[in-house]
Amino acid sequence: MQKPPLDPDVADTAPVDSMLTPYDYKHLVTYWRLLDADAEGADWREVAKIVLHIDVDNEPQRARRTFDSHLARAKWMSEHGYRHLLRGGFPALN
């Protein structure tokens, strides 16, 4: 299996599936970065700019929606999704 990219582009919303998706695998590093920032109490605007590459000043609603969606998915990954990882449950990547 190939390594996940370090800094992929993000969609406006993260998946909400109960299983891992190719998007999740592609964004593992993004999820880890979001979890680290959340644990450190970082301002969501700064995280959206640095991690998600969204101009918060020009697109505040999109930035907030994308941040919230991806942080929620990152938390799901840390609580549930990792089990799928341990079982080798990632779907084939295209």
Protein backbone atom coordinates (compact mmCIF):
# COMPACT_ATOMS: atom_id res chain seq x y z
CA MET A 1 0.00 0.00 0.00
CA GLN A 2 1.30 3.44 -0.89
CA LYS A 3 1.88 6.09 1.76
CA PRO A 4 -0.77 8.80 2.17
CA PRO A 5 0.18 12.21 0.76
CA LEU A 6 1.48 14.81 3.20
CA ASP A 7 -0.62 17.78 2.12
CA PRO A 8 -3.53 16.88 -0.20
CA ASP A 9 -6.25 19.26 -1.31
CA VAL A 10 -9.44 18.93 0.74
CA ALA A 11 -13.08 18.75 -0.29
CA ASP A 12 -15.58 21.13 1.29
CA THR A 13 -16.86 18.29 3.47
CA ALA A 14 -15.24 15.12 4.74
CA PRO A 15 -16.93 11.73 4.38
CA VAL A 16 -19.51 10.66 6.93
CA ASP A 17 -19.49 6.95 6.03
CA SER A 18 -19.26 4.38 8.80
CA MET A 19 -16.42 2.72 6.90
CA LEU A 20 -13.10 4.07 5.71
CA THR A 21 -12.99 5.63 2.28
CA PRO A 22 -10.17 6.33 -0.17
CA TYR A 23 -10.59 10.00 0.83
CA ASP A 24 -9.88 9.07 4.47
CA TYR A 25 -6.67 7.28 3.53
CA LYS A 26 -5.56 10.18 1.35
CA HIS A 27 -6.21 12.59 4.24
CA LEU A 28 -4.73 10.68 7.19
CA VAL A 29 -1.99 13.26 7.66
CA THR A 30 -4.56 16.07 7.44
CA TYR A 31 -6.63 14.38 10.14
CA TRP A 32 -3.57 13.98 12.39
CA ARG A 33 -2.67 17.63 11.92
CA LEU A 34 -6.22 18.67 12.82
CA LEU A 35 -6.23 16.50 15.93
CA ASP A 36 -2.88 17.93 17.04
CA ALA A 37 -4.10 21.49 16.50
CA ASP A 38 -7.33 20.76 18.38
CA ALA A 39 -5.42 19.25 21.30
CA GLU A 40 -3.24 22.36 21.47
CA GLY A 41 -6.26 24.67 21.40
CA ALA A 42 -5.24 26.30 18.12
CA ASP A 43 -7.60 28.87 16.60
CA TRP A 44 -9.73 27.18 13.94
CA ARG A 45 -9.10 30.06 11.50
CA GLU A 46 -5.36 29.53 11.63
CA VAL A 47 -5.79 25.79 11.20
CA ALA A 48 -8.13 26.27 8.24
CA LYS A 49 -5.55 28.51 6.61
CA ILE A 50 -2.46 26.40 7.31
CA VAL A 51 -3.79 22.83 7.16
CA LEU A 52 -6.79 23.14 4.84
CA HIS A 53 -5.41 25.95 2.65
CA ILE A 54 -8.59 28.01 2.75
CA ASP A 55 -8.58 31.79 2.78
CA VAL A 56 -10.67 32.40 5.88
CA ASP A 57 -11.06 36.11 5.18
CA ASN A 58 -12.50 35.56 1.71
CA GLU A 59 -14.45 32.35 2.41
CA PRO A 60 -15.34 32.32 6.12
CA GLN A 61 -18.40 30.06 5.82
CA ARG A 62 -16.64 27.52 3.61
CA ALA A 63 -13.61 27.60 5.90
CA ARG A 64 -15.70 26.91 9.00
CA ARG A 65 -17.78 24.18 7.32
CA THR A 66 -14.67 22.47 5.95
CA PHE A 67 -12.83 22.74 9.25
CA ASP A 68 -15.76 21.38 11.30
CA SER A 69 -16.38 18.54 8.86
CA HIS A 70 -12.77 17.42 8.72
CA LEU A 71 -12.20 17.74 12.47
CA ALA A 72 -15.30 15.64 13.10
CA ARG A 73 -14.00 13.00 10.69
CA ALA A 74 -10.56 13.12 12.32
CA LYS A 75 -12.17 12.48 15.70
CA TRP A 76 -14.20 9.61 14.22
CA MET A 77 -10.97 8.17 12.83
CA SER A 78 -9.32 8.39 16.24
CA GLU A 79 -12.27 6.75 18.00
CA HIS A 80 -13.53 4.23 15.43
CA GLY A 81 -11.81 4.37 12.06
CA TYR A 82 -8.43 3.28 13.36
CA ARG A 83 -9.90 -0.18 13.99
CA HIS A 84 -10.49 -0.53 10.26
CA LEU A 85 -6.89 0.49 9.68
CA LEU A 86 -5.61 -2.17 12.04
CA ARG A 87 -7.62 -4.80 10.18
CA GLY A 88 -6.32 -3.58 6.84
CA GLY A 89 -9.75 -2.30 5.94
CA PHE A 90 -8.88 0.42 3.48
CA PRO A 91 -10.56 0.25 0.10
CA ALA A 92 -8.43 0.16 -3.03
CA LEU A 93 -7.06 3.56 -3.97
CA ASN A 94 -7.47 4.84 -7.49
